[in-house]
PDB file of N, CA and C in Angstrom:
ATOM      1  N   UNK A   1      86.826  48.103 132.470  1.00  0.00           N
ATOM      2  CA  UNK A   1      86.689  49.246 133.684  1.00  0.00           C
ATOM      3  C   UNK A   1      87.436  50.593 133.272  1.00  0.00           C
ATOM      4  N   UNK A   2      89.080  50.023 132.926  1.00  0.00           N
ATOM      5  CA  UNK A   2      89.959  50.811 131.991  1.00  0.00           C
ATOM      6  C   UNK A   2      89.166  51.921 131.117  1.00  0.00           C
ATOM      7  N   UNK A   3      88.757  51.347 130.115  1.00  0.00           N
ATOM      8  CA  UNK A   3      88.171  51.967 129.025  1.00  0.00           C
ATOM      9  C   UNK A   3      86.675  53.101 129.502  1.00  0.00           C
ATOM     10  N   UNK A   4      85.960  52.490 130.742  1.00  0.00           N
ATOM     11  CA  UNK A   4      85.168  53.655 130.922  1.00  0.00           C
ATOM     12  C   UNK A   4      85.805  54.780 131.874  1.00  0.00           C
ATOM     13  N   UNK A   5      86.579  54.497 132.493  1.00  0.00           N
ATOM     14  CA  UNK A   5      87.120  55.704 133.252  1.00  0.00           C
ATOM     15  C   UNK A   5      88.024  56.635 132.544  1.00  0.00           C
ATOM     16  N   UNK A   6      88.630  55.775 131.010  1.00  0.00           N
ATOM     17  CA  UNK A   6      89.279  56.850 130.214  1.00  0.00           C
ATOM     18  C   UNK A   6      88.261  57.825 129.477  1.00  0.00           C
ATOM     19  N   UNK A   7      87.178  57.004 129.168  1.00  0.00           N
ATOM     20  CA  UNK A   7      86.029  57.502 128.377  1.00  0.00           C
ATOM     21  C   UNK A   7      85.343  58.758 129.455  1.00  0.00           C
ATOM     22  N   UNK A   8      85.366  58.885 130.756  1.00  0.00           N
ATOM     23  CA  UNK A   8      84.917  59.441 131.232  1.00  0.00           C
ATOM     24  C   UNK A   8      85.898  60.868 131.645  1.00  0.00           C
ATOM     25  N   UNK A   9      87.054  60.471 131.756  1.00  0.00           N
ATOM     26  CA  UNK A   9      87.950  61.549 131.738  1.00  0.00           C
ATOM     27  C   UNK A   9      88.153  62.391 130.462  1.00  0.00           C
ATOM     28  N   UNK A  10      87.747  61.739 129.247  1.00  0.00           N
ATOM     29  CA  UNK A  10      87.815  62.588 128.113  1.00  0.00           C
ATOM     30  C   UNK A  10      86.234  63.467 127.934  1.00  0.00           C
ATOM     31  N   UNK A  11      85.464  62.855 128.690  1.00  0.00           N
ATOM     32  CA  UNK A  11      84.431  63.269 128.540  1.00  0.00           C
ATOM     33  C   UNK A  11      84.457  64.701 129.594  1.00  0.00           C
ATOM     34  N   UNK A  12      85.049  64.630 130.475  1.00  0.00           N
ATOM     35  CA  UNK A  12      84.882  65.654 131.432  1.00  0.00           C
ATOM     36  C   UNK A  12      85.846  66.596 130.494  1.00  0.00           C
ATOM     37  N   UNK A  13      87.041  66.244 130.299  1.00  0.00           N
ATOM     38  CA  UNK A  13      88.099  67.733 129.919  1.00  0.00           C
ATOM     39  C   UNK A  13      87.579  68.233 128.814  1.00  0.00           C
ATOM     40  N   UNK A  14      87.359  67.269 127.888  1.00  0.00           N
ATOM     41  CA  UNK A  14      86.763  68.012 126.517  1.00  0.00           C
ATOM     42  C   UNK A  14      85.278  68.865 126.566  1.00  0.00           C
ATOM     43  N   UNK A  15      84.295  68.684 127.337  1.00  0.00           N
ATOM     44  CA  UNK A  15      83.547  69.245 127.790  1.00  0.00           C
ATOM     45  C   UNK A  15      83.626  70.290 128.769  1.00  0.00           C
ATOM     46  N   UNK A  16      84.822  70.444 129.222  1.00  0.00           N
ATOM     47  CA  UNK A  16      85.251  71.750 130.122  1.00  0.00           C
ATOM     48  C   UNK A  16      85.649  72.657 128.797  1.00  0.00           C
ATOM     49  N   UNK A  17      86.474  72.052 128.008  1.00  0.00           N
ATOM     50  CA  UNK A  17      87.205  72.907 126.836  1.00  0.00           C
ATOM     51  C   UNK A  17      85.976  73.577 126.236  1.00  0.00           C
ATOM     52  N   UNK A  18      85.072  72.712 125.689  1.00  0.00           N
ATOM     53  CA  UNK A  18      83.721  73.395 124.782  1.00  0.00           C
ATOM     54  C   UNK A  18      83.196  74.308 125.294  1.00  0.00           C
ATOM     55  N   UNK A  19      83.083  73.894 126.667  1.00  0.00           N
ATOM     56  CA  UNK A  19      82.113  74.914 127.484  1.00  0.00           C
ATOM     57  C   UNK A  19      82.696  76.044 127.744  1.00  0.00           C
ATOM     58  N   UNK A  20      83.916  76.041 127.737  1.00  0.00           N
ATOM     59  CA  UNK A  20      84.672  77.790 127.795  1.00  0.00           C
ATOM     60  C   UNK A  20      84.437  78.571 126.822  1.00  0.00           C
ATOM     61  N   UNK A  21      85.056  77.385 125.470  1.00  0.00           N
ATOM     62  CA  UNK A  21      84.493  78.379 124.324  1.00  0.00           C
ATOM     63  C   UNK A  21      83.162  79.020 124.218  1.00  0.00           C
ATOM     64  N   UNK A  22      81.998  78.050 124.145  1.00  0.00           N
ATOM     65  CA  UNK A  22      80.979  78.302 124.466  1.00  0.00           C
ATOM     66  C   UNK A  22      80.722  79.659 125.402  1.00  0.00           C
ATOM     67  N   UNK A  23      81.086  79.591 126.613  1.00  0.00           N
ATOM     68  CA  UNK A  23      81.031  80.919 127.207  1.00  0.00           C
ATOM     69  C   UNK A  23      81.396  82.443 126.838  1.00  0.00           C
ATOM     70  N   UNK A  24      82.810  82.291 126.346  1.00  0.00           N
ATOM     71  CA  UNK A  24      83.375  83.137 125.507  1.00  0.00           C
ATOM     72  C   UNK A  24      82.569  83.619 124.194  1.00  0.00           C
ATOM     73  N   UNK A  25      82.347  83.011 123.451  1.00  0.00           N
ATOM     74  CA  UNK A  25      81.711  83.122 122.547  1.00  0.00           C
ATOM     75  C   UNK A  25      79.767  83.790 122.603  1.00  0.00           C
ATOM     76  N   UNK A  26      79.778  83.414 124.041  1.00  0.00           N
ATOM     77  CA  UNK A  26      78.282  84.044 124.299  1.00  0.00           C
ATOM     78  C   UNK A  26      78.458  85.646 124.729  1.00  0.00           C
ATOM     79  N   UNK A  27      79.441  85.772 125.710  1.00  0.00           N
ATOM     80  CA  UNK A  27      79.921  87.223 125.986  1.00  0.00           C
ATOM     81  C   UNK A  27      80.285  88.272 124.868  1.00  0.00           C
ATOM     82  N   UNK A  28      81.091  87.554 124.357  1.00  0.00           N
ATOM     83  CA  UNK A  28      81.483  88.320 123.054  1.00  0.00           C
ATOM     84  C   UNK A  28      80.085  88.806 121.995  1.00  0.00           C
ATOM     85  N   UNK A  29      79.265  87.806 122.206  1.00  0.00           N
ATOM     86  CA  UNK A  29      78.163  88.114 121.232  1.00  0.00           C
ATOM     87  C   UNK A  29      77.286  89.067 121.946  1.00  0.00           C
ATOM     88  N   UNK A  30      77.046  89.136 123.309  1.00  0.00           N
ATOM     89  CA  UNK A  30      76.151  89.682 124.164  1.00  0.00           C
ATOM     90  C   UNK A  30      77.004  91.176 124.016  1.00  0.00           C
ATOM     91  N   UNK A  31      78.622  91.388 124.072  1.00  0.00           N
ATOM     92  CA  UNK A  31      78.800  92.770 124.013  1.00  0.00           C
ATOM     93  C   UNK A  31      78.611  93.753 122.500  1.00  0.00           C
ATOM     94  N   UNK A  32      78.556  92.326 121.341  1.00  0.00           N
ATOM     95  CA  UNK A  32      78.312  93.192 120.435  1.00  0.00           C
ATOM     96  C   UNK A  32      76.806  93.721 120.103  1.00  0.00           C
ATOM     97  N   UNK A  33      75.744  92.734 120.689  1.00  0.00           N
ATOM     98  CA  UNK A  33      74.570  93.180 120.749  1.00  0.00           C
ATOM     99  C   UNK A  33      74.429  94.369 121.541  1.00  0.00           C
ATOM    100  N   UNK A  34      74.944  94.649 122.486  1.00  0.00           N
ATOM    101  CA  UNK A  34      74.675  95.917 123.111  1.00  0.00           C
ATOM    102  C   UNK A  34      75.903  96.804 122.956  1.00  0.00           C
ATOM    103  N   UNK A  35      76.789  96.679 122.119  1.00  0.00           N
ATOM    104  CA  UNK A  35      77.271  97.746 121.415  1.00  0.00           C
ATOM    105  C   UNK A  35      77.164  99.348 121.727  1.00  0.00           C
ATOM    106  N   UNK A  36      76.193  99.676 121.241  1.00  0.00           N
ATOM    107  CA  UNK A  36      75.659 101.158 121.295  1.00  0.00           C
ATOM    108  C   UNK A  36      75.431 101.686 122.880  1.00  0.00           C
ATOM    109  N   UNK A  37      74.801 100.862 123.610  1.00  0.00           N
ATOM    110  CA  UNK A  37      74.474 100.881 125.136  1.00  0.00           C
ATOM    111  C   UNK A  37      75.857 100.963 125.845  1.00  0.00           C
ATOM    112  N   UNK A  38      76.409  99.977 125.463  1.00  0.00           N
ATOM    113  CA  UNK A  38      78.210 100.161 126.320  1.00  0.00           C
ATOM    114  C   UNK A  38      78.784 101.429 125.815  1.00  0.00           C
ATOM    115  N   UNK A  39      78.893 101.841 124.649  1.00  0.00           N
ATOM    116  CA  UNK A  39      79.544 102.959 124.459  1.00  0.00           C
ATOM    117  C   UNK A  39      78.918 104.300 124.979  1.00  0.00           C
ATOM    118  N   UNK A  40      77.414 104.024 125.177  1.00  0.00           N
ATOM    119  CA  UNK A  40      76.999 105.230 125.937  1.00  0.00           C
ATOM    120  C   UNK A  40      76.975 105.361 127.443  1.00  0.00           C
ATOM    121  N   UNK A  41      77.251 104.259 127.959  1.00  0.00           N
ATOM    122  CA  UNK A  41      77.768 104.201 129.529  1.00  0.00           C
ATOM    123  C   UNK A  41      79.356 104.417 129.605  1.00  0.00           C
ATOM    124  N   UNK A  42      79.886 104.183 128.629  1.00  0.00           N
ATOM    125  CA  UNK A  42      81.618 104.407 128.957  1.00  0.00           C
ATOM    126  C   UNK A  42      82.211 105.917 128.190  1.00  0.00           C
ATOM    127  N   UNK A  43      81.115 106.413 127.375  1.00  0.00           N
ATOM    128  CA  UNK A  43      81.794 107.772 126.512  1.00  0.00           C
ATOM    129  C   UNK A  43      80.741 108.577 126.835  1.00  0.00           C
ATOM    130  N   UNK A  44      80.259 109.093 127.956  1.00  0.00           N
ATOM    131  CA  UNK A  44      79.303 109.899 128.308  1.00  0.00           C
ATOM    132  C   UNK A  44      79.254 111.824 127.703  1.00  0.00           C
ATOM    133  N   UNK A  45      80.586 111.973 127.451  1.00  0.00           N
ATOM    134  CA  UNK A  45      80.775 113.248 126.951  1.00  0.00           C
ATOM    135  C   UNK A  45      80.212 113.274 125.216  1.00  0.00           C
ATOM    136  N   UNK A  46      79.760 112.278 125.028  1.00  0.00           N
ATOM    137  CA  UNK A  46      79.248 112.268 123.316  1.00  0.00           C
ATOM    138  C   UNK A  46      77.974 112.588 123.218  1.00  0.00           C
ATOM    139  N   UNK A  47      77.198 112.647 124.593  1.00  0.00           N
ATOM    140  CA  UNK A  47      75.797 112.949 124.564  1.00  0.00           C
ATOM    141  C   UNK A  47      75.633 114.110 125.261  1.00  0.00           C
ATOM    142  N   UNK A  48      74.873 115.026 124.607  1.00  0.00           N
ATOM    143  CA  UNK A  48      74.409 116.357 125.127  1.00  0.00           C
ATOM    144  C   UNK A  48      73.119 116.549 125.309  1.00  0.00           C
ATOM    145  N   UNK A  49      72.352 116.956 126.516  1.00  0.00           N
ATOM    146  CA  UNK A  49      71.109 117.304 126.773  1.00  0.00           C
ATOM    147  C   UNK A  49      70.721 118.552 126.371  1.00  0.00           C
ATOM    148  N   UNK A  50      69.719 118.653 125.607  1.00  0.00           N
ATOM    149  CA  UNK A  50      68.974 120.043 125.214  1.00  0.00           C
ATOM    150  C   UNK A  50      68.868 120.980 126.849  1.00  0.00           C
ATOM    151  N   UNK A  51      69.353 121.929 127.102  1.00  0.00           N
ATOM    152  CA  UNK A  51      69.489 122.889 128.002  1.00  0.00           C
ATOM    153  C   UNK A  51      68.416 123.476 128.247  1.00  0.00           C
ATOM    154  N   UNK A  52      67.919 124.911 127.245  1.00  0.00           N
ATOM    155  CA  UNK A  52      66.847 125.601 126.816  1.00  0.00           C
ATOM    156  C   UNK A  52      65.637 125.095 126.733  1.00  0.00           C
ATOM    157  N   UNK A  53      65.344 123.928 126.282  1.00  0.00           N
ATOM    158  CA  UNK A  53      63.996 123.144 126.268  1.00  0.00           C
ATOM    159  C   UNK A  53      63.574 123.448 124.574  1.00  0.00           C
ATOM    160  N   UNK A  54      64.315 124.318 123.785  1.00  0.00           N
ATOM    161  CA  UNK A  54      64.312 124.454 122.567  1.00  0.00           C
ATOM    162  C   UNK A  54      64.968 123.273 121.553  1.00  0.00           C
ATOM    163  N   UNK A  55      64.320 122.474 120.978  1.00  0.00           N
ATOM    164  CA  UNK A  55      64.948 121.617 120.566  1.00  0.00           C
ATOM    165  C   UNK A  55      65.065 121.745 118.733  1.00  0.00           C
ATOM    166  N   UNK A  56      66.408 122.557 118.611  1.00  0.00           N
ATOM    167  CA  UNK A  56      66.622 123.169 117.450  1.00  0.00           C
ATOM    168  C   UNK A  56      67.837 122.481 116.872  1.00  0.00           C
ATOM    169  N   UNK A  57      68.116 121.719 115.515  1.00  0.00           N
ATOM    170  CA  UNK A  57      68.986 121.179 115.118  1.00  0.00           C
ATOM    171  C   UNK A  57      69.989 121.906 114.461  1.00  0.00           C
ATOM    172  N   UNK A  58      70.962 122.460 114.692  1.00  0.00           N
ATOM    173  CA  UNK A  58      72.139 122.965 114.039  1.00  0.00           C
ATOM    174  C   UNK A  58      72.627 122.344 112.807  1.00  0.00           C
ATOM    175  N   UNK A  59      73.124 123.446 111.845  1.00  0.00           N
ATOM    176  CA  UNK A  59      73.644 122.635 110.370  1.00  0.00           C
ATOM    177  C   UNK A  59      75.131 122.139 110.542  1.00  0.00           C
ATOM    178  N   UNK A  60      75.707 121.120 110.087  1.00  0.00           N
ATOM    179  CA  UNK A  60      76.791 120.749 110.262  1.00  0.00           C
ATOM    180  C   UNK A  60      77.740 121.661 109.932  1.00  0.00           C
ATOM    181  N   UNK A  61      77.495 122.965 109.034  1.00  0.00           N
ATOM    182  CA  UNK A  61      78.597 123.920 108.602  1.00  0.00           C
ATOM    183  C   UNK A  61      78.357 124.783 110.062  1.00  0.00           C
ATOM    184  N   UNK A  62      77.752 124.912 111.120  1.00  0.00           N
ATOM    185  CA  UNK A  62      77.744 126.092 112.109  1.00  0.00           C
ATOM    186  C   UNK A  62      78.319 125.025 113.122  1.00  0.00           C
ATOM    187  N   UNK A  63      78.053 123.737 113.068  1.00  0.00           N
ATOM    188  CA  UNK A  63      78.971 123.157 114.513  1.00  0.00           C
ATOM    189  C   UNK A  63      80.330 122.797 113.808  1.00  0.00           C
ATOM    190  N   UNK A  64      80.645 122.902 112.462  1.00  0.00           N
ATOM    191  CA  UNK A  64      81.818 122.707 112.130  1.00  0.00           C
ATOM    192  C   UNK A  64      83.093 124.127 112.751  1.00  0.00           C
ATOM    193  N   UNK A  65      82.371 125.256 112.371  1.00  0.00           N
ATOM    194  CA  UNK A  65      82.924 126.407 112.641  1.00  0.00           C
ATOM    195  C   UNK A  65      83.122 126.865 114.205  1.00  0.00           C
ATOM    196  N   UNK A  66      82.091 125.940 115.003  1.00  0.00           N
ATOM    197  CA  UNK A  66      82.151 126.566 116.300  1.00  0.00           C
ATOM    198  C   UNK A  66      83.198 125.331 117.275  1.00  0.00           C
ATOM    199  N   UNK A  67      83.535 124.439 116.763  1.00  0.00           N
ATOM    200  CA  UNK A  67      84.151 123.386 116.831  1.00  0.00           C
ATOM    201  C   UNK A  67      85.551 123.624 116.861  1.00  0.00           C
ATOM    202  N   UNK A  68      85.726 124.127 115.320  1.00  0.00           N
ATOM    203  CA  UNK A  68      87.002 124.656 115.274  1.00  0.00           C
ATOM    204  C   UNK A  68      87.709 125.844 115.853  1.00  0.00           C
ATOM    205  N   UNK A  69      86.712 126.565 116.175  1.00  0.00           N
ATOM    206  CA  UNK A  69      86.775 127.679 116.972  1.00  0.00           C
ATOM    207  C   UNK A  69      87.346 127.192 118.569  1.00  0.00           C
ATOM    208  N   UNK A  70      86.800 126.352 119.363  1.00  0.00           N
ATOM    209  CA  UNK A  70      86.794 125.755 120.454  1.00  0.00           C
ATOM    210  C   UNK A  70      88.222 124.884 120.499  1.00  0.00           C
ATOM    211  N   UNK A  71      88.451 124.137 119.380  1.00  0.00           N
ATOM    212  CA  UNK A  71      89.562 123.313 119.151  1.00  0.00           C
ATOM    213  C   UNK A  71      90.424 123.549 117.999  1.00  0.00           C
ATOM    214  N   UNK A  72      91.409 124.691 117.919  1.00  0.00           N
ATOM    215  CA  UNK A  72      91.941 125.223 117.056  1.00  0.00           C
ATOM    216  C   UNK A  72      93.148 123.645 116.785  1.00  0.00           C
ATOM    217  N   UNK A  73      93.320 123.600 115.220  1.00  0.00           N
ATOM    218  CA  UNK A  73      94.523 122.810 115.399  1.00  0.00           C
ATOM    219  C   UNK A  73      93.833 121.274 114.991  1.00  0.00           C
ATOM    220  N   UNK A  74      92.766 121.031 115.448  1.00  0.00           N
ATOM    221  CA  UNK A  74      92.514 119.663 115.287  1.00  0.00           C
ATOM    222  C   UNK A  74      91.558 119.454 114.547  1.00  0.00           C
ATOM    223  N   UNK A  75      91.493 118.288 113.934  1.00  0.00           N
ATOM    224  CA  UNK A  75      90.651 117.558 112.293  1.00  0.00           C
ATOM    225  C   UNK A  75      89.499 117.022 113.162  1.00  0.00           C
ATOM    226  N   UNK A  76      88.385 117.573 112.529  1.00  0.00           N
ATOM    227  CA  UNK A  76      87.019 117.234 112.519  1.00  0.00           C
ATOM    228  C   UNK A  76      86.586 116.153 111.810  1.00  0.00           C
ATOM    229  N   UNK A  77      86.529 115.166 112.396  1.00  0.00           N
ATOM    230  CA  UNK A  77      86.353 113.684 111.201  1.00  0.00           C
ATOM    231  C   UNK A  77      84.711 113.708 111.032  1.00  0.00           C
ATOM    232  N   UNK A  78      83.612 113.882 111.974  1.00  0.00           N
ATOM    233  CA  UNK A  78      82.295 113.411 111.801  1.00  0.00           C
ATOM    234  C   UNK A  78      81.439 114.386 112.696  1.00  0.00           C
ATOM    235  N   UNK A  79      80.455 114.410 112.410  1.00  0.00           N
ATOM    236  CA  UNK A  79      79.097 115.087 113.048  1.00  0.00           C
ATOM    237  C   UNK A  79      78.244 114.009 113.209  1.00  0.00           C
ATOM    238  N   UNK A  80      77.613 113.764 114.384  1.00  0.00           N
ATOM    239  CA  UNK A  80      76.689 112.480 114.837  1.00  0.00           C
ATOM    240  C   UNK A  80      75.040 113.454 115.142  1.00  0.00           C
ATOM    241  N   UNK A  81      74.141 112.940 114.592  1.00  0.00           N
ATOM    242  CA  UNK A  81      72.883 113.782 115.026  1.00  0.00           C
ATOM    243  C   UNK A  81      71.963 112.358 115.667  1.00  0.00           C
TER     244      UNK A  81
END
């Protein structure tokens, strides 16, 4: 009877410990899969809507000059299309 109780105790606590690890891995995996969607929700200022209806893409040099003019003294690292 004592072996049965010890076995049940180990089974309970080892199962809970491994279950916590599985839950953490599942949550972090889900966060990695939906990384772009989570970024879009948390940083809405990165996305701009086309106001006038004309979908005209600007060249990076034009964007670079306008951002330099708007934010003097800041370093521009990248432009995303």
